[in-house]
PDB file of N, CA and C in Angstrom:
ATOM      1  N   MET A   1      94.046 123.128  72.883  1.00  0.00           N
ATOM      2  CA  MET A   1      94.512 122.611  73.891  1.00  0.00           C
ATOM      3  C   MET A   1      95.011 120.821  73.409  1.00  0.00           C
ATOM      4  N   VAL A   2      96.185 120.259  75.031  1.00  0.00           N
ATOM      5  CA  VAL A   2      96.325 118.840  73.997  1.00  0.00           C
ATOM      6  C   VAL A   2      95.722 118.135  74.907  1.00  0.00           C
ATOM      7  N   THR A   3      95.211 116.879  74.036  1.00  0.00           N
ATOM      8  CA  THR A   3      94.460 116.174  74.833  1.00  0.00           C
ATOM      9  C   THR A   3      94.909 114.933  75.896  1.00  0.00           C
ATOM     10  N   TRP A   4      94.430 114.064  75.901  1.00  0.00           N
ATOM     11  CA  TRP A   4      95.546 113.087  76.424  1.00  0.00           C
ATOM     12  C   TRP A   4      95.566 112.079  75.486  1.00  0.00           C
ATOM     13  N   LEU A   5      94.853 111.611  74.231  1.00  0.00           N
ATOM     14  CA  LEU A   5      95.470 111.240  73.170  1.00  0.00           C
ATOM     15  C   LEU A   5      96.804 111.655  72.898  1.00  0.00           C
ATOM     16  N   HIS A   6      97.447 112.825  72.865  1.00  0.00           N
ATOM     17  CA  HIS A   6      98.893 112.860  72.319  1.00  0.00           C
ATOM     18  C   HIS A   6     100.073 112.476  73.554  1.00  0.00           C
ATOM     19  N   TRP A   7      99.469 112.545  74.512  1.00  0.00           N
ATOM     20  CA  TRP A   7     100.254 111.692  76.328  1.00  0.00           C
ATOM     21  C   TRP A   7     100.176 110.006  75.790  1.00  0.00           C
ATOM     22  N   ALA A   8      98.530 109.193  75.634  1.00  0.00           N
ATOM     23  CA  ALA A   8      98.937 108.021  75.271  1.00  0.00           C
ATOM     24  C   ALA A   8      99.921 107.858  73.521  1.00  0.00           C
ATOM     25  N   ASP A   9      99.901 108.643  72.899  1.00  0.00           N
ATOM     26  CA  ASP A   9     100.535 108.780  71.854  1.00  0.00           C
ATOM     27  C   ASP A   9     102.357 108.213  72.222  1.00  0.00           C
ATOM     28  N   ARG A  10     102.551 109.059  73.125  1.00  0.00           N
ATOM     29  CA  ARG A  10     104.033 109.921  73.917  1.00  0.00           C
ATOM     30  C   ARG A  10     104.902 108.597  74.985  1.00  0.00           C
ATOM     31  N   PHE A  11     103.738 108.243  75.144  1.00  0.00           N
ATOM     32  CA  PHE A  11     104.167 107.027  75.900  1.00  0.00           C
ATOM     33  C   PHE A  11     103.430 105.826  76.035  1.00  0.00           C
ATOM     34  N   GLY A  12     102.144 105.819  75.086  1.00  0.00           N
ATOM     35  CA  GLY A  12     102.448 103.899  75.149  1.00  0.00           C
ATOM     36  C   GLY A  12     101.369 103.473  76.802  1.00  0.00           C
ATOM     37  N   ASP A  13     102.067 102.340  76.222  1.00  0.00           N
ATOM     38  CA  ASP A  13     101.148 101.914  77.880  1.00  0.00           C
ATOM     39  C   ASP A  13     101.926 101.716  79.342  1.00  0.00           C
ATOM     40  N   GLU A  14     102.500 102.442  78.890  1.00  0.00           N
ATOM     41  CA  GLU A  14     103.444 103.288  80.077  1.00  0.00           C
ATOM     42  C   GLU A  14     102.430 104.252  81.503  1.00  0.00           C
ATOM     43  N   LEU A  15     101.896 104.934  80.310  1.00  0.00           N
ATOM     44  CA  LEU A  15     101.159 106.228  80.627  1.00  0.00           C
ATOM     45  C   LEU A  15      99.603 105.158  81.519  1.00  0.00           C
ATOM     46  N   VAL A  16      99.394 106.430  82.877  1.00  0.00           N
ATOM     47  CA  VAL A  16      98.483 105.549  83.431  1.00  0.00           C
ATOM     48  C   VAL A  16      97.156 106.387  83.496  1.00  0.00           C
ATOM     49  N   CYS A  17      97.406 108.010  84.340  1.00  0.00           N
ATOM     50  CA  CYS A  17      96.655 108.750  83.926  1.00  0.00           C
ATOM     51  C   CYS A  17      97.431 110.122  83.841  1.00  0.00           C
ATOM     52  N   VAL A  18      96.728 110.926  83.538  1.00  0.00           N
ATOM     53  CA  VAL A  18      96.549 112.723  82.983  1.00  0.00           C
ATOM     54  C   VAL A  18      95.521 113.151  84.096  1.00  0.00           C
ATOM     55  N   ARG A  19      96.435 114.530  84.631  1.00  0.00           N
ATOM     56  CA  ARG A  19      96.124 115.059  85.549  1.00  0.00           C
ATOM     57  C   ARG A  19      95.256 117.004  84.681  1.00  0.00           C
ATOM     58  N   TYR A  20      94.171 117.019  84.147  1.00  0.00           N
ATOM     59  CA  TYR A  20      94.745 118.804  84.572  1.00  0.00           C
ATOM     60  C   TYR A  20      93.860 120.142  85.203  1.00  0.00           C
ATOM     61  N   ARG A  21      94.682 120.829  85.422  1.00  0.00           N
ATOM     62  CA  ARG A  21      94.492 121.909  86.451  1.00  0.00           C
ATOM     63  C   ARG A  21      94.378 123.010  86.196  1.00  0.00           C
ATOM     64  N   ASP A  22      94.288 123.908  86.955  1.00  0.00           N
ATOM     65  CA  ASP A  22      94.065 124.956  86.787  1.00  0.00           C
ATOM     66  C   ASP A  22      94.785 125.455  87.987  1.00  0.00           C
ATOM     67  N   GLY A  23      95.605 126.655  87.357  1.00  0.00           N
ATOM     68  CA  GLY A  23      97.536 127.012  88.612  1.00  0.00           C
ATOM     69  C   GLY A  23      96.527 128.157  88.878  1.00  0.00           C
ATOM     70  N   LEU A  24      97.350 128.909  89.685  1.00  0.00           N
ATOM     71  CA  LEU A  24      97.099 130.128  90.822  1.00  0.00           C
ATOM     72  C   LEU A  24      96.304 130.950  89.453  1.00  0.00           C
ATOM     73  N   ARG A  25      95.512 131.405  90.244  1.00  0.00           N
ATOM     74  CA  ARG A  25      94.410 132.520  89.502  1.00  0.00           C
ATOM     75  C   ARG A  25      93.666 131.881  88.331  1.00  0.00           C
ATOM     76  N   GLY A  26      94.196 130.674  87.326  1.00  0.00           N
ATOM     77  CA  GLY A  26      93.648 130.547  86.955  1.00  0.00           C
ATOM     78  C   GLY A  26      94.080 131.423  86.107  1.00  0.00           C
ATOM     79  N   GLN A  27      95.543 131.310  86.053  1.00  0.00           N
ATOM     80  CA  GLN A  27      96.278 131.521  84.940  1.00  0.00           C
ATOM     81  C   GLN A  27      97.157 130.750  83.600  1.00  0.00           C
ATOM     82  N   ARG A  28      97.683 130.466  84.549  1.00  0.00           N
ATOM     83  CA  ARG A  28      98.048 128.612  83.754  1.00  0.00           C
ATOM     84  C   ARG A  28      97.325 127.062  84.316  1.00  0.00           C
ATOM     85  N   ARG A  29      97.157 126.089  83.474  1.00  0.00           N
ATOM     86  CA  ARG A  29      96.865 125.300  83.091  1.00  0.00           C
ATOM     87  C   ARG A  29      98.411 124.352  83.482  1.00  0.00           C
ATOM     88  N   LEU A  30      97.965 123.012  84.635  1.00  0.00           N
ATOM     89  CA  LEU A  30      98.949 122.580  85.050  1.00  0.00           C
ATOM     90  C   LEU A  30      98.943 121.487  83.952  1.00  0.00           C
ATOM     91  N   ILE A  31      98.877 120.562  83.623  1.00  0.00           N
ATOM     92  CA  ILE A  31      99.489 118.835  83.140  1.00  0.00           C
ATOM     93  C   ILE A  31     100.994 118.054  83.750  1.00  0.00           C
ATOM     94  N   THR A  32     100.165 117.268  84.655  1.00  0.00           N
ATOM     95  CA  THR A  32     101.099 115.872  85.083  1.00  0.00           C
ATOM     96  C   THR A  32     100.308 114.810  84.502  1.00  0.00           C
ATOM     97  N   VAL A  33     101.638 113.607  84.363  1.00  0.00           N
ATOM     98  CA  VAL A  33     101.330 112.394  83.472  1.00  0.00           C
ATOM     99  C   VAL A  33     101.954 111.495  85.013  1.00  0.00           C
ATOM    100  N   GLN A  34     101.324 110.611  84.976  1.00  0.00           N
ATOM    101  CA  GLN A  34     101.431 109.127  85.827  1.00  0.00           C
ATOM    102  C   GLN A  34     102.283 108.059  85.004  1.00  0.00           C
ATOM    103  N   LEU A  35     103.100 107.538  84.888  1.00  0.00           N
ATOM    104  CA  LEU A  35     103.455 106.096  84.631  1.00  0.00           C
ATOM    105  C   LEU A  35     104.114 105.590  85.476  1.00  0.00           C
ATOM    106  N   VAL A  36     104.464 104.928  84.362  1.00  0.00           N
ATOM    107  CA  VAL A  36     104.311 102.960  84.653  1.00  0.00           C
ATOM    108  C   VAL A  36     106.362 103.096  84.186  1.00  0.00           C
ATOM    109  N   VAL A  37     107.166 102.748  85.647  1.00  0.00           N
ATOM    110  CA  VAL A  37     108.319 103.363  85.683  1.00  0.00           C
ATOM    111  C   VAL A  37     109.433 102.037  85.926  1.00  0.00           C
ATOM    112  N   GLU A  38     108.874 100.950  86.600  1.00  0.00           N
ATOM    113  CA  GLU A  38     108.754  99.587  86.821  1.00  0.00           C
ATOM    114  C   GLU A  38     108.095  98.342  86.920  1.00  0.00           C
ATOM    115  N   SER A  39     108.096  97.119  86.337  1.00  0.00           N
ATOM    116  CA  SER A  39     106.995  96.303  86.659  1.00  0.00           C
ATOM    117  C   SER A  39     108.544  94.905  86.882  1.00  0.00           C
ATOM    118  N   CYS A  40     107.797  94.543  87.574  1.00  0.00           N
ATOM    119  CA  CYS A  40     108.455  92.465  88.243  1.00  0.00           C
ATOM    120  C   CYS A  40     107.939  92.561  89.333  1.00  0.00           C
ATOM    121  N   PRO A  41     107.209  90.831  89.454  1.00  0.00           N
ATOM    122  CA  PRO A  41     107.198  90.423  90.294  1.00  0.00           C
ATOM    123  C   PRO A  41     107.269  90.552  91.079  1.00  0.00           C
ATOM    124  N   LEU A  42     106.137  90.475  91.898  1.00  0.00           N
ATOM    125  CA  LEU A  42     106.053  90.200  93.511  1.00  0.00           C
ATOM    126  C   LEU A  42     106.299  89.184  94.725  1.00  0.00           C
ATOM    127  N   PRO A  43     107.621  89.483  95.066  1.00  0.00           N
ATOM    128  CA  PRO A  43     108.100  87.156  95.525  1.00  0.00           C
ATOM    129  C   PRO A  43     106.809  87.101  96.539  1.00  0.00           C
ATOM    130  N   PRO A  44     106.386  85.433  96.512  1.00  0.00           N
ATOM    131  CA  PRO A  44     105.198  85.020  96.598  1.00  0.00           C
ATOM    132  C   PRO A  44     104.991  85.798  98.607  1.00  0.00           C
ATOM    133  N   SER A  45     105.551  86.184  98.742  1.00  0.00           N
ATOM    134  CA  SER A  45     105.633  85.731 100.384  1.00  0.00           C
ATOM    135  C   SER A  45     105.085  88.125 100.776  1.00  0.00           C
ATOM    136  N   LEU A  46     104.898  88.414  99.455  1.00  0.00           N
ATOM    137  CA  LEU A  46     103.978  89.401  99.741  1.00  0.00           C
ATOM    138  C   LEU A  46     103.205  89.313  98.600  1.00  0.00           C
ATOM    139  N   ARG A  47     102.195  88.779  97.880  1.00  0.00           N
ATOM    140  CA  ARG A  47     101.194  88.336  96.874  1.00  0.00           C
ATOM    141  C   ARG A  47      99.762  88.485  97.779  1.00  0.00           C
ATOM    142  N   GLY A  48      99.558  88.683  97.614  1.00  0.00           N
ATOM    143  CA  GLY A  48      97.857  88.560  98.281  1.00  0.00           C
ATOM    144  C   GLY A  48      97.821  90.241  98.789  1.00  0.00           C
ATOM    145  N   GLY A  49      96.679  89.836  99.533  1.00  0.00           N
ATOM    146  CA  GLY A  49      95.860  91.104 100.523  1.00  0.00           C
ATOM    147  C   GLY A  49      96.366  90.532 101.580  1.00  0.00           C
ATOM    148  N   GLU A  50      95.965  91.973 102.558  1.00  0.00           N
ATOM    149  CA  GLU A  50      95.779  91.871 103.960  1.00  0.00           C
ATOM    150  C   GLU A  50      95.247  90.768 104.687  1.00  0.00           C
ATOM    151  N   TRP A  51      94.194  90.127 104.394  1.00  0.00           N
ATOM    152  CA  TRP A  51      93.445  89.736 104.796  1.00  0.00           C
ATOM    153  C   TRP A  51      93.419  87.899 104.843  1.00  0.00           C
ATOM    154  N   ASP A  52      93.850  87.490 103.377  1.00  0.00           N
ATOM    155  CA  ASP A  52      95.018  86.156 103.558  1.00  0.00           C
ATOM    156  C   ASP A  52      95.470  85.635 104.084  1.00  0.00           C
ATOM    157  N   GLU A  53      94.762  83.624 104.619  1.00  0.00           N
ATOM    158  CA  GLU A  53      95.428  83.815 105.511  1.00  0.00           C
ATOM    159  C   GLU A  53      97.325  82.974 104.613  1.00  0.00           C
ATOM    160  N   VAL A  54      98.051  83.091 105.987  1.00  0.00           N
ATOM    161  CA  VAL A  54      99.262  82.639 105.417  1.00  0.00           C
ATOM    162  C   VAL A  54     100.521  81.859 107.247  1.00  0.00           C
ATOM    163  N   LEU A  55     101.096  81.110 105.909  1.00  0.00           N
ATOM    164  CA  LEU A  55     101.341  79.923 107.195  1.00  0.00           C
ATOM    165  C   LEU A  55     102.841  80.208 107.485  1.00  0.00           C
ATOM    166  N   VAL A  56     103.398  80.725 108.815  1.00  0.00           N
ATOM    167  CA  VAL A  56     104.465  81.208 108.670  1.00  0.00           C
ATOM    168  C   VAL A  56     105.387  80.140 110.155  1.00  0.00           C
ATOM    169  N   ARG A  57     106.686  79.879 109.556  1.00  0.00           N
ATOM    170  CA  ARG A  57     107.719  79.389 110.679  1.00  0.00           C
ATOM    171  C   ARG A  57     108.241  79.672 111.690  1.00  0.00           C
ATOM    172  N   ILE A  58     107.607  79.575 112.975  1.00  0.00           N
ATOM    173  CA  ILE A  58     107.685  80.660 114.331  1.00  0.00           C
ATOM    174  C   ILE A  58     109.212  79.253 115.240  1.00  0.00           C
ATOM    175  N   THR A  59     110.293  79.396 115.714  1.00  0.00           N
ATOM    176  CA  THR A  59     110.959  78.804 115.897  1.00  0.00           C
ATOM    177  C   THR A  59     110.539  78.066 117.543  1.00  0.00           C
ATOM    178  N   ASP A  60     111.122  77.565 117.490  1.00  0.00           N
ATOM    179  CA  ASP A  60     110.837  77.428 119.286  1.00  0.00           C
ATOM    180  C   ASP A  60     111.688  78.233 120.608  1.00  0.00           C
ATOM    181  N   ASP A  61     113.082  78.111 119.810  1.00  0.00           N
ATOM    182  CA  ASP A  61     113.593  80.691 120.181  1.00  0.00           C
ATOM    183  C   ASP A  61     112.707  81.363 120.298  1.00  0.00           C
ATOM    184  N   GLN A  62     111.972  81.163 119.446  1.00  0.00           N
ATOM    185  CA  GLN A  62     111.463  82.691 119.232  1.00  0.00           C
ATOM    186  C   GLN A  62     109.762  83.042 120.013  1.00  0.00           C
ATOM    187  N   ALA A  63     110.038  82.193 121.408  1.00  0.00           N
ATOM    188  CA  ALA A  63     109.148  82.449 121.980  1.00  0.00           C
ATOM    189  C   ALA A  63     108.338  83.688 122.247  1.00  0.00           C
ATOM    190  N   ASP A  64     108.617  84.646 122.498  1.00  0.00           N
ATOM    191  CA  ASP A  64     108.302  86.256 122.542  1.00  0.00           C
ATOM    192  C   ASP A  64     107.435  86.345 121.182  1.00  0.00           C
ATOM    193  N   LEU A  65     108.119  85.768 120.353  1.00  0.00           N
ATOM    194  CA  LEU A  65     107.484  86.064 118.244  1.00  0.00           C
ATOM    195  C   LEU A  65     106.121  85.442 119.020  1.00  0.00           C
ATOM    196  N   ARG A  66     106.639  83.978 118.517  1.00  0.00           N
ATOM    197  CA  ARG A  66     105.035  83.367 119.422  1.00  0.00           C
ATOM    198  C   ARG A  66     104.158  84.012 119.842  1.00  0.00           C
ATOM    199  N   ARG A  67     104.291  84.272 121.325  1.00  0.00           N
ATOM    200  CA  ARG A  67     103.735  85.625 122.031  1.00  0.00           C
ATOM    201  C   ARG A  67     102.747  85.821 121.689  1.00  0.00           C
ATOM    202  N   GLN A  68     103.162  87.144 120.600  1.00  0.00           N
ATOM    203  CA  GLN A  68     103.268  87.940 120.181  1.00  0.00           C
ATOM    204  C   GLN A  68     101.965  87.381 119.376  1.00  0.00           C
ATOM    205  N   ALA A  69     102.290  86.330 118.252  1.00  0.00           N
ATOM    206  CA  ALA A  69     101.346  85.963 116.726  1.00  0.00           C
ATOM    207  C   ALA A  69      99.949  85.577 118.008  1.00  0.00           C
ATOM    208  N   ARG A  70     100.242  85.180 119.148  1.00  0.00           N
ATOM    209  CA  ARG A  70      98.825  84.097 119.213  1.00  0.00           C
ATOM    210  C   ARG A  70      97.999  85.822 119.749  1.00  0.00           C
ATOM    211  N   ALA A  71      98.685  86.414 120.572  1.00  0.00           N
ATOM    212  CA  ALA A  71      98.163  87.975 120.759  1.00  0.00           C
ATOM    213  C   ALA A  71      97.633  88.022 119.526  1.00  0.00           C
ATOM    214  N   ALA A  72      98.092  88.249 118.007  1.00  0.00           N
ATOM    215  CA  ALA A  72      97.264  89.483 117.067  1.00  0.00           C
ATOM    216  C   ALA A  72      96.192  88.221 116.307  1.00  0.00           C
ATOM    217  N   GLY A  73      96.046  86.791 117.031  1.00  0.00           N
ATOM    218  CA  GLY A  73      95.274  85.715 116.454  1.00  0.00           C
ATOM    219  C   GLY A  73      95.290  84.681 116.128  1.00  0.00           C
ATOM    220  N   ALA A  74      96.706  84.340 115.780  1.00  0.00           N
ATOM    221  CA  ALA A  74      97.615  83.499 114.949  1.00  0.00           C
ATOM    222  C   ALA A  74      97.097  81.806 116.083  1.00  0.00           C
ATOM    223  N   HIS A  75      96.788  81.036 114.601  1.00  0.00           N
ATOM    224  CA  HIS A  75      96.279  79.679 115.332  1.00  0.00           C
ATOM    225  C   HIS A  75      97.826  78.336 115.296  1.00  0.00           C
ATOM    226  N   TRP A  76      97.556  77.707 115.398  1.00  0.00           N
ATOM    227  CA  TRP A  76      98.951  76.215 115.319  1.00  0.00           C
ATOM    228  C   TRP A  76      97.901  75.207 114.543  1.00  0.00           C
ATOM    229  N   ASP A  77      98.568  74.986 114.188  1.00  0.00           N
ATOM    230  CA  ASP A  77      98.616  73.704 112.878  1.00  0.00           C
ATOM    231  C   ASP A  77      98.852  72.536 113.088  1.00  0.00           C
ATOM    232  N   PRO A  78      98.575  71.683 113.924  1.00  0.00           N
ATOM    233  CA  PRO A  78      99.804  70.549 114.532  1.00  0.00           C
ATOM    234  C   PRO A  78     100.537  70.371 113.070  1.00  0.00           C
ATOM    235  N   GLU A  79      99.322  70.152 112.350  1.00  0.00           N
ATOM    236  CA  GLU A  79      99.730  68.699 111.562  1.00  0.00           C
ATOM    237  C   GLU A  79     100.912  69.251 110.918  1.00  0.00           C
ATOM    238  N   ARG A  80     100.959  70.603 110.196  1.00  0.00           N
ATOM    239  CA  ARG A  80     101.449  70.867 109.589  1.00  0.00           C
ATOM    240  C   ARG A  80     103.140  72.010 110.099  1.00  0.00           C
ATOM    241  N   LYS A  81     102.696  71.623 111.953  1.00  0.00           N
ATOM    242  CA  LYS A  81     103.663  72.004 112.400  1.00  0.00           C
ATOM    243  C   LYS A  81     104.114  74.086 111.951  1.00  0.00           C
ATOM    244  N   LEU A  82     102.885  74.415 111.456  1.00  0.00           N
ATOM    245  CA  LEU A  82     103.299  76.257 111.421  1.00  0.00           C
ATOM    246  C   LEU A  82     101.908  77.052 112.292  1.00  0.00           C
ATOM    247  N   TRP A  83     102.469  78.900 111.789  1.00  0.00           N
ATOM    248  CA  TRP A  83     101.591  79.305 112.597  1.00  0.00           C
ATOM    249  C   TRP A  83     100.920  79.436 111.995  1.00  0.00           C
ATOM    250  N   GLY A  84      99.087  79.461 110.988  1.00  0.00           N
ATOM    251  CA  GLY A  84      98.343  80.872 110.394  1.00  0.00           C
ATOM    252  C   GLY A  84      98.302  81.889 110.850  1.00  0.00           C
ATOM    253  N   MET A  85      97.521  83.094 110.206  1.00  0.00           N
ATOM    254  CA  MET A  85      98.005  84.043 110.388  1.00  0.00           C
ATOM    255  C   MET A  85      97.536  85.020 109.173  1.00  0.00           C
ATOM    256  N   TYR A  86      96.611  86.407 109.826  1.00  0.00           N
ATOM    257  CA  TYR A  86      96.651  87.178 108.097  1.00  0.00           C
ATOM    258  C   TYR A  86      98.239  87.402 107.792  1.00  0.00           C
ATOM    259  N   ARG A  87      97.603  87.492 106.831  1.00  0.00           N
ATOM    260  CA  ARG A  87      99.398  88.702 105.788  1.00  0.00           C
ATOM    261  C   ARG A  87      99.699  89.564 106.165  1.00  0.00           C
ATOM    262  N   GLY A  88      98.380  90.667 107.190  1.00  0.00           N
ATOM    263  CA  GLY A  88      98.322  92.031 107.688  1.00  0.00           C
ATOM    264  C   GLY A  88      99.305  91.700 108.545  1.00  0.00           C
ATOM    265  N   HIS A  89      99.061  90.743 109.600  1.00  0.00           N
ATOM    266  CA  HIS A  89      99.159  90.423 110.722  1.00  0.00           C
ATOM    267  C   HIS A  89     101.159  89.953 110.867  1.00  0.00           C
ATOM    268  N   ALA A  90     101.018  89.573 109.458  1.00  0.00           N
ATOM    269  CA  ALA A  90     102.627  88.549 109.770  1.00  0.00           C
ATOM    270  C   ALA A  90     103.686  89.844 109.427  1.00  0.00           C
ATOM    271  N   LYS A  91     102.386  90.978 108.513  1.00  0.00           N
ATOM    272  CA  LYS A  91     103.903  92.171 108.368  1.00  0.00           C
ATOM    273  C   LYS A  91     104.185  93.157 109.539  1.00  0.00           C
ATOM    274  N   ALA A  92     102.640  93.349 110.214  1.00  0.00           N
ATOM    275  CA  ALA A  92     102.826  93.914 111.792  1.00  0.00           C
ATOM    276  C   ALA A  92     103.753  93.279 112.063  1.00  0.00           C
ATOM    277  N   LEU A  93     104.007  92.080 112.895  1.00  0.00           N
ATOM    278  CA  LEU A  93     104.570  91.594 113.180  1.00  0.00           C
ATOM    279  C   LEU A  93     106.779  91.015 112.701  1.00  0.00           C
ATOM    280  N   GLY A  94     106.400  91.782 111.622  1.00  0.00           N
ATOM    281  CA  GLY A  94     107.598  91.692 110.815  1.00  0.00           C
ATOM    282  C   GLY A  94     108.399  90.391 110.596  1.00  0.00           C
ATOM    283  N   CYS A  95     106.843  88.984 110.207  1.00  0.00           N
ATOM    284  CA  CYS A  95     107.342  87.917 109.850  1.00  0.00           C
ATOM    285  C   CYS A  95     106.991  88.054 108.251  1.00  0.00           C
ATOM    286  N   LEU A  96     107.323  88.226 107.441  1.00  0.00           N
ATOM    287  CA  LEU A  96     107.314  88.232 106.366  1.00  0.00           C
ATOM    288  C   LEU A  96     108.046  87.421 105.741  1.00  0.00           C
ATOM    289  N   LYS A  97     109.337  86.715 106.139  1.00  0.00           N
ATOM    290  CA  LYS A  97     109.750  86.454 105.307  1.00  0.00           C
ATOM    291  C   LYS A  97     109.944  85.507 105.783  1.00  0.00           C
ATOM    292  N   LEU A  98     109.557  84.807 107.634  1.00  0.00           N
ATOM    293  CA  LEU A  98     109.392  83.564 107.524  1.00  0.00           C
ATOM    294  C   LEU A  98     107.685  83.435 107.419  1.00  0.00           C
ATOM    295  N   ILE A  99     107.462  83.454 106.711  1.00  0.00           N
ATOM    296  CA  ILE A  99     105.862  83.160 105.555  1.00  0.00           C
ATOM    297  C   ILE A  99     106.234  81.332 104.551  1.00  0.00           C
ATOM    298  N   VAL A 100     105.988  80.440 105.296  1.00  0.00           N
ATOM    299  CA  VAL A 100     106.532  79.121 104.152  1.00  0.00           C
ATOM    300  C   VAL A 100     105.600  79.015 102.840  1.00  0.00           C
ATOM    301  N   GLU A 101     105.618  78.530 102.052  1.00  0.00           N
ATOM    302  CA  GLU A 101     104.416  79.005 100.879  1.00  0.00           C
ATOM    303  C   GLU A 101     104.713  77.043 100.651  1.00  0.00           C
ATOM    304  N   GLU A 102     103.616  76.694 100.418  1.00  0.00           N
ATOM    305  CA  GLU A 102     102.632  75.535  99.977  1.00  0.00           C
ATOM    306  C   GLU A 102     102.565  74.949  98.233  1.00  0.00           C
TER     307      GLU A 102
END
Protein backbone atom coordinates (compact mmCIF):
# COMPACT_ATOMS: atom_id res chain seq x y z
CA MET A 1 0.00 0.00 0.00
CA VAL A 2 1.19 3.50 -0.84
CA THR A 3 1.65 5.62 2.30
CA TRP A 4 1.19 9.33 2.81
CA LEU A 5 4.99 9.72 2.51
CA HIS A 6 4.69 8.78 -1.16
CA TRP A 7 2.22 11.61 -1.68
CA ALA A 8 4.32 14.04 0.39
CA ASP A 9 7.31 13.25 -1.82
CA ARG A 10 5.20 13.65 -4.95
CA PHE A 11 3.36 16.90 -4.07
CA GLY A 12 5.70 18.54 -1.53
CA ASP A 13 4.54 21.62 0.39
CA GLU A 14 1.32 21.85 -1.66
CA LEU A 15 -0.03 18.70 0.01
CA VAL A 16 -2.67 19.49 2.64
CA CYS A 17 -4.04 16.03 3.45
CA VAL A 18 -4.46 12.47 2.19
CA ARG A 19 -7.65 10.48 2.69
CA TYR A 20 -8.04 6.74 2.36
CA ARG A 21 -11.51 5.22 1.92
CA ASP A 22 -12.78 1.79 1.17
CA GLY A 23 -15.05 1.91 -1.84
CA LEU A 24 -18.15 -0.04 -2.71
CA ARG A 25 -18.43 -3.37 -0.90
CA GLY A 26 -14.81 -3.13 0.23
CA GLN A 27 -13.53 -4.13 -3.22
CA ARG A 28 -11.73 -0.92 -3.96
CA ARG A 29 -9.62 1.59 -1.99
CA LEU A 30 -10.02 5.26 -2.85
CA ILE A 31 -7.16 7.64 -2.14
CA THR A 32 -7.76 11.37 -2.43
CA VAL A 33 -5.35 14.22 -1.85
CA GLN A 34 -6.04 17.85 -1.09
CA LEU A 35 -3.60 20.35 -2.59
CA VAL A 36 -2.95 24.06 -2.33
CA VAL A 37 -3.20 25.39 -5.89
CA GLU A 38 -2.82 29.11 -5.14
CA SER A 39 -1.71 31.23 -2.24
CA CYS A 40 -1.97 35.01 -2.19
CA PRO A 41 -2.29 37.68 0.51
CA LEU A 42 -5.78 38.80 1.45
CA PRO A 43 -6.67 42.44 0.90
CA PRO A 44 -6.86 44.29 4.24
CA SER A 45 -10.65 44.53 4.07
CA LEU A 46 -10.97 40.71 4.11
CA ARG A 47 -8.45 39.98 6.87
CA GLY A 48 -9.47 39.04 10.37
CA GLY A 49 -12.40 37.24 11.86
CA GLU A 50 -16.11 37.89 11.73
CA TRP A 51 -16.05 39.43 15.22
CA ASP A 52 -13.19 41.88 14.63
CA GLU A 53 -14.37 45.46 14.79
CA VAL A 54 -13.86 47.51 11.64
CA LEU A 55 -14.51 51.14 10.75
CA VAL A 56 -16.82 51.82 7.83
CA ARG A 57 -17.37 55.06 5.92
CA ILE A 58 -21.08 55.51 5.22
CA THR A 59 -21.81 58.77 3.44
CA ASP A 60 -24.76 61.08 4.05
CA ASP A 61 -26.49 59.93 0.85
CA GLN A 62 -26.53 56.31 2.13
CA ALA A 63 -29.25 56.86 4.74
CA ASP A 64 -30.80 53.42 4.19
CA LEU A 65 -27.44 51.69 4.68
CA ARG A 66 -26.81 53.80 7.80
CA ARG A 67 -30.18 52.71 9.18
CA GLN A 68 -29.38 49.04 8.48
CA ALA A 69 -25.95 49.41 10.09
CA ARG A 70 -27.45 50.95 13.21
CA ALA A 71 -30.02 48.12 13.38
CA ALA A 72 -27.14 45.61 13.17
CA GLY A 73 -25.49 47.24 16.20
CA ALA A 74 -23.08 49.66 14.53
CA HIS A 75 -22.04 52.71 16.52
CA TRP A 76 -21.01 56.17 15.35
CA ASP A 77 -17.47 57.33 16.19
CA PRO A 78 -17.77 61.13 16.14
CA GLU A 79 -14.02 61.68 16.43
CA ARG A 80 -13.21 59.65 13.32
CA LYS A 81 -16.56 60.29 11.64
CA LEU A 82 -16.86 56.60 10.84
CA TRP A 83 -19.16 53.75 11.83
CA GLY A 84 -17.77 50.94 13.98
CA MET A 85 -19.20 47.46 13.49
CA TYR A 86 -18.22 43.82 13.42
CA ARG A 87 -16.62 42.61 10.17
CA GLY A 88 -19.34 39.95 9.83
CA HIS A 89 -22.04 42.62 9.94
CA ALA A 90 -20.17 44.74 7.40
CA LYS A 91 -19.99 41.70 5.13
CA ALA A 92 -23.70 40.93 5.55
CA LEU A 93 -24.55 44.56 4.70
CA GLY A 94 -22.28 44.55 1.64
CA CYS A 95 -19.94 47.12 3.21
CA LEU A 96 -16.57 45.36 2.86
CA LYS A 97 -15.44 47.87 0.22
CA LEU A 98 -16.36 50.71 2.58
CA ILE A 99 -14.01 49.56 5.36
CA VAL A 100 -11.43 52.20 6.22
CA GLU A 101 -7.94 50.94 7.06
CA GLU A 102 -6.16 53.14 9.59
